[in-house]
């Protein structure tokens, strides 16, 4: 059975995870955590390495808009001008 460990929230909303827990769960600098609210409690868990969203996030990079990306993979759309044919 685990005992409660109390921590104060810092000025910028930061909380220190006790060293014993960090070591047991292999949480170190740069470890990604998922933070969510569940029934009035804050729940933290390690992000899965094979998280499907994290795996593709940024893979299309370059700061492209959706339209720019679609133009790149499909080619530009040949649409008539908004004012109609000339």
N, C-alpha and C. Protein backbone atom coordinates (compact mmCIF):
# COMPACT_ATOMS: atom_id res chain seq x y z
N UNK A 1 0.85 -1.18 0.00
CA UNK A 1 0.00 0.00 0.00
C UNK A 1 0.89 1.24 0.00
N UNK A 2 0.57 2.21 -0.86
CA UNK A 2 1.39 3.42 -0.92
C UNK A 2 0.87 4.45 0.08
N UNK A 3 1.78 5.26 0.54
CA UNK A 3 1.38 6.32 1.46
C UNK A 3 1.28 7.62 0.68
N UNK A 4 0.49 8.54 1.17
CA UNK A 4 0.34 9.83 0.51
C UNK A 4 1.61 10.65 0.65
N UNK A 5 1.96 11.33 -0.43
CA UNK A 5 3.09 12.25 -0.42
C UNK A 5 2.54 13.59 -0.86
N UNK A 6 2.70 14.60 -0.05
CA UNK A 6 2.15 15.91 -0.35
C UNK A 6 3.19 16.80 -1.00
N UNK A 7 2.77 17.54 -1.99
CA UNK A 7 3.64 18.49 -2.68
C UNK A 7 2.85 19.77 -2.89
N UNK A 8 3.54 20.91 -2.82
CA UNK A 8 2.92 22.20 -3.08
C UNK A 8 3.09 22.54 -4.56
N UNK A 9 2.10 23.20 -5.12
CA UNK A 9 2.17 23.67 -6.50
C UNK A 9 2.94 24.98 -6.50
N UNK A 10 3.95 25.09 -7.36
CA UNK A 10 4.78 26.29 -7.43
C UNK A 10 4.08 27.42 -8.18
N UNK A 11 4.76 28.55 -8.24
CA UNK A 11 4.24 29.75 -8.88
C UNK A 11 3.74 29.53 -10.30
N UNK A 12 4.47 28.73 -11.06
CA UNK A 12 4.12 28.51 -12.47
C UNK A 12 3.34 27.22 -12.68
N UNK A 13 2.74 26.69 -11.62
CA UNK A 13 1.92 25.49 -11.74
C UNK A 13 2.71 24.20 -11.74
N UNK A 14 3.97 24.26 -11.34
CA UNK A 14 4.82 23.08 -11.37
C UNK A 14 4.74 22.30 -10.06
N UNK A 15 4.84 20.97 -10.19
CA UNK A 15 4.84 20.08 -9.04
C UNK A 15 6.02 19.13 -9.20
N UNK A 16 6.75 18.88 -8.13
CA UNK A 16 7.88 17.96 -8.19
C UNK A 16 7.40 16.55 -7.87
N UNK A 17 7.73 15.61 -8.74
CA UNK A 17 7.41 14.21 -8.52
C UNK A 17 8.53 13.64 -7.63
N UNK A 18 8.19 13.01 -6.52
CA UNK A 18 9.23 12.49 -5.62
C UNK A 18 10.21 11.57 -6.35
N UNK A 19 11.48 11.66 -5.95
CA UNK A 19 12.56 10.91 -6.59
C UNK A 19 12.28 9.41 -6.59
N UNK A 20 11.79 8.88 -5.50
CA UNK A 20 11.51 7.44 -5.40
C UNK A 20 10.53 6.99 -6.49
N UNK A 21 9.51 7.82 -6.75
CA UNK A 21 8.53 7.49 -7.78
C UNK A 21 9.15 7.64 -9.17
N UNK A 22 9.91 8.73 -9.38
CA UNK A 22 10.57 8.93 -10.68
C UNK A 22 11.48 7.76 -11.01
N UNK A 23 12.24 7.29 -10.03
CA UNK A 23 13.16 6.16 -10.27
C UNK A 23 12.39 4.87 -10.54
N UNK A 24 11.36 4.61 -9.77
CA UNK A 24 10.60 3.36 -9.93
C UNK A 24 9.90 3.32 -11.28
N UNK A 25 9.43 4.48 -11.77
CA UNK A 25 8.69 4.53 -13.04
C UNK A 25 9.56 4.96 -14.21
N UNK A 26 10.86 5.12 -13.96
CA UNK A 26 11.80 5.52 -15.01
C UNK A 26 11.37 6.83 -15.68
N UNK A 27 11.09 7.83 -14.85
CA UNK A 27 10.72 9.15 -15.34
C UNK A 27 11.92 10.06 -15.15
N UNK A 28 12.44 10.59 -16.26
CA UNK A 28 13.59 11.47 -16.19
C UNK A 28 13.35 12.71 -17.03
N UNK A 29 14.38 13.52 -17.15
CA UNK A 29 14.29 14.75 -17.93
C UNK A 29 13.84 14.40 -19.36
N UNK A 30 12.82 15.08 -19.82
CA UNK A 30 12.33 14.88 -21.17
C UNK A 30 11.26 13.81 -21.30
N UNK A 31 10.99 13.06 -20.22
CA UNK A 31 9.92 12.06 -20.28
C UNK A 31 8.60 12.77 -20.48
N UNK A 32 7.83 12.29 -21.45
CA UNK A 32 6.53 12.91 -21.73
C UNK A 32 5.45 12.27 -20.85
N UNK A 33 4.66 13.14 -20.22
CA UNK A 33 3.58 12.70 -19.35
C UNK A 33 2.24 13.17 -19.91
N UNK A 34 1.22 12.37 -19.73
CA UNK A 34 -0.14 12.76 -20.07
C UNK A 34 -0.78 13.26 -18.79
N UNK A 35 -1.38 14.45 -18.83
CA UNK A 35 -2.02 15.04 -17.66
C UNK A 35 -3.50 15.18 -17.98
N UNK A 36 -4.36 14.65 -17.12
CA UNK A 36 -5.80 14.80 -17.35
C UNK A 36 -6.54 14.89 -16.02
N UNK A 37 -7.75 15.35 -16.11
CA UNK A 37 -8.63 15.44 -14.94
C UNK A 37 -9.59 14.27 -15.02
N UNK A 38 -9.75 13.58 -13.90
CA UNK A 38 -10.66 12.44 -13.86
C UNK A 38 -11.42 12.47 -12.54
N UNK A 39 -12.70 12.70 -12.63
CA UNK A 39 -13.56 12.74 -11.45
C UNK A 39 -13.02 13.63 -10.34
N UNK A 40 -12.57 14.84 -10.73
CA UNK A 40 -12.10 15.81 -9.76
C UNK A 40 -10.67 15.60 -9.29
N UNK A 41 -9.95 14.66 -9.88
CA UNK A 41 -8.56 14.42 -9.51
C UNK A 41 -7.66 14.66 -10.72
N UNK A 42 -6.41 15.04 -10.45
CA UNK A 42 -5.41 15.18 -11.50
C UNK A 42 -4.71 13.84 -11.64
N UNK A 43 -4.67 13.33 -12.86
CA UNK A 43 -4.04 12.03 -13.11
C UNK A 43 -2.87 12.23 -14.07
N UNK A 44 -1.71 11.70 -13.71
CA UNK A 44 -0.52 11.74 -14.56
C UNK A 44 -0.19 10.31 -14.97
N UNK A 45 0.22 10.13 -16.22
CA UNK A 45 0.75 8.84 -16.64
C UNK A 45 1.79 9.09 -17.72
N UNK A 46 2.73 8.16 -17.84
CA UNK A 46 3.74 8.27 -18.88
C UNK A 46 3.06 8.10 -20.23
N UNK A 47 3.47 8.93 -21.19
CA UNK A 47 2.96 8.80 -22.55
C UNK A 47 3.53 7.52 -23.14
N UNK A 48 2.71 6.80 -23.87
CA UNK A 48 3.18 5.58 -24.51
C UNK A 48 4.09 5.94 -25.66
N UNK A 49 5.16 5.19 -25.79
CA UNK A 49 6.11 5.44 -26.87
C UNK A 49 5.47 5.20 -28.23
N UNK A 50 4.51 4.30 -28.29
CA UNK A 50 3.87 3.98 -29.56
C UNK A 50 2.51 4.69 -29.71
N UNK A 51 2.37 5.84 -29.02
CA UNK A 51 1.15 6.64 -29.12
C UNK A 51 0.95 7.03 -30.59
N UNK A 52 -0.16 6.62 -31.22
CA UNK A 52 -0.35 6.88 -32.65
C UNK A 52 -0.35 8.36 -33.00
N UNK A 53 -0.85 9.21 -32.15
CA UNK A 53 -0.87 10.65 -32.43
C UNK A 53 0.55 11.20 -32.36
N UNK A 54 1.28 10.84 -31.30
CA UNK A 54 2.65 11.31 -31.15
C UNK A 54 3.53 10.81 -32.29
N UNK A 55 3.23 9.62 -32.79
CA UNK A 55 4.05 9.04 -33.86
C UNK A 55 3.97 9.83 -35.15
N UNK A 56 2.83 10.43 -35.45
CA UNK A 56 2.68 11.16 -36.70
C UNK A 56 2.73 12.66 -36.51
N UNK A 57 2.70 13.15 -35.28
CA UNK A 57 2.70 14.58 -35.03
C UNK A 57 3.95 15.21 -35.62
N UNK A 58 3.76 16.14 -36.50
CA UNK A 58 4.87 16.86 -37.09
C UNK A 58 5.54 16.15 -38.25
N UNK A 59 5.08 14.98 -38.64
CA UNK A 59 5.77 14.26 -39.71
C UNK A 59 5.62 14.93 -41.06
N UNK A 60 4.60 15.78 -41.19
CA UNK A 60 4.41 16.49 -42.45
C UNK A 60 5.06 17.86 -42.40
N UNK A 61 5.63 18.18 -41.27
CA UNK A 61 6.42 19.38 -40.99
C UNK A 61 6.45 20.50 -42.00
N UNK A 62 7.38 21.38 -41.82
CA UNK A 62 7.55 22.50 -42.71
C UNK A 62 6.52 23.59 -42.50
N UNK A 63 5.64 23.44 -41.53
CA UNK A 63 4.64 24.46 -41.25
C UNK A 63 3.64 24.64 -42.37
N UNK A 64 3.37 23.60 -43.15
CA UNK A 64 2.42 23.70 -44.25
C UNK A 64 0.99 23.77 -43.76
N UNK A 65 0.18 24.49 -44.50
CA UNK A 65 -1.25 24.45 -44.24
C UNK A 65 -1.79 23.17 -44.86
N UNK A 66 -3.01 22.82 -44.51
CA UNK A 66 -3.63 21.63 -45.11
C UNK A 66 -3.70 21.76 -46.62
N UNK A 67 -4.10 22.94 -47.13
CA UNK A 67 -4.19 23.14 -48.58
C UNK A 67 -2.83 22.98 -49.25
N UNK A 68 -1.78 23.53 -48.63
CA UNK A 68 -0.44 23.40 -49.20
C UNK A 68 0.00 21.94 -49.24
N UNK A 69 -0.31 21.21 -48.17
CA UNK A 69 0.06 19.80 -48.12
C UNK A 69 -0.68 19.02 -49.21
N UNK A 70 -1.99 19.26 -49.36
CA UNK A 70 -2.76 18.56 -50.38
C UNK A 70 -2.26 18.91 -51.78
N UNK A 71 -1.92 20.18 -52.01
CA UNK A 71 -1.36 20.57 -53.31
C UNK A 71 -0.05 19.81 -53.56
N UNK A 72 0.74 19.63 -52.51
CA UNK A 72 2.02 18.94 -52.66
C UNK A 72 1.82 17.48 -53.04
N UNK A 73 0.87 16.80 -52.40
CA UNK A 73 0.72 15.37 -52.68
C UNK A 73 -0.17 15.09 -53.88
N UNK A 74 -1.09 15.99 -54.20
CA UNK A 74 -2.02 15.77 -55.31
C UNK A 74 -1.74 16.65 -56.52
N UNK A 75 -1.00 17.71 -56.32
CA UNK A 75 -0.84 18.72 -57.35
C UNK A 75 -1.91 19.78 -57.15
N UNK A 76 -1.68 21.01 -57.64
CA UNK A 76 -2.65 22.08 -57.42
C UNK A 76 -3.97 21.77 -58.12
N UNK A 77 -5.05 22.18 -57.47
CA UNK A 77 -6.39 21.98 -58.05
C UNK A 77 -6.57 22.96 -59.20
N UNK A 78 -7.10 22.48 -60.32
CA UNK A 78 -7.38 23.34 -61.47
C UNK A 78 -8.83 23.80 -61.38
N UNK A 79 -9.04 24.83 -60.60
CA UNK A 79 -10.39 25.35 -60.40
C UNK A 79 -10.54 26.65 -61.18
N UNK A 80 -11.75 26.91 -61.71
CA UNK A 80 -11.96 28.18 -62.39
C UNK A 80 -11.87 29.32 -61.38
N UNK A 81 -11.52 30.53 -61.83
CA UNK A 81 -11.47 31.67 -60.92
C UNK A 81 -12.83 31.90 -60.27
N UNK A 82 -12.80 32.53 -59.11
CA UNK A 82 -14.02 32.80 -58.36
C UNK A 82 -14.99 33.66 -59.19
N UNK A 83 -14.48 34.58 -60.03
CA UNK A 83 -15.33 35.47 -60.83
C UNK A 83 -15.91 34.77 -62.06
N UNK A 84 -15.59 33.53 -62.28
CA UNK A 84 -16.08 32.79 -63.44
C UNK A 84 -15.04 32.74 -64.54
N UNK A 85 -15.33 32.02 -65.63
CA UNK A 85 -14.35 31.87 -66.71
C UNK A 85 -14.08 33.20 -67.39
N UNK A 86 -12.88 33.33 -67.92
CA UNK A 86 -12.52 34.58 -68.61
C UNK A 86 -12.55 34.40 -70.10
